[in-house]
Amino acid sequence: MTTNTRLAATSSATASTWRPRLLTVLGAAAGAAVLFLAGKAVGVGLAVDQRDGKGPVDLALGGFIGSAAGAALLGWALLALLERFAPASARKIWTAVASVVLLASVALPFGVEATSGTKILLALAHLAVGLVVLLGLRRDAHPARG
C-alpha cells in the first residue's frame, strides 16, 4: 500500500467517524438534560455538599450538560489516541477503560452529602451518560485489523 493510499484511507476513516461520535456526545448531553429536568419535575432537590466546608451547592442544568459532553469528549479523545497508537487493540482497551470509568462514576454520587433522591438521580445520570458514551463510541470504534 502506498503512502497516498494509506493517507486517503485514514482521511476517509476520520471523515466517516466524526459524525457518529459527535452524535454520541450530543446524545450524552441530551440524556443528562432529560434526567435533570425529570428530577426537577418530580421534586428532587439537586443540591450536594461535597464536604469541603463550603456548604451545599445547587446543581444547574448547564453543569449537567457540560459534564456529560465533557466526559463524552474525553472518551472520544482517548479512543482516537488509541486508534492512532494502538490500532490493533484500540477497541478492546477503550472498552475496558470505559467500563471501569463507568462503574467508578456510578459510585461517585454516594460519596457526597445529599438527599437519597439526589444521589439516585446523580447515579442514574452517570449510568445513562456512561452507557451512551460506552455503547456509542464502542460501536463506532475501528475493529482490530490484521
Foldseek 3Di string as FASTA:
>chain_A
DDPVVVVVVVVVLVVVQPVLLVVLLVQLLVLLLVLVVVCVVVPFFQWWALPPPPDIDGDDSVNSSVVLSVVSVVLVVQLVVCCVVPVQCSLVVSLVVLVVCLVVQLCVLVNIDGDPSNNVSSSVSSNSSSVSSNVSVSVSRDHHDD
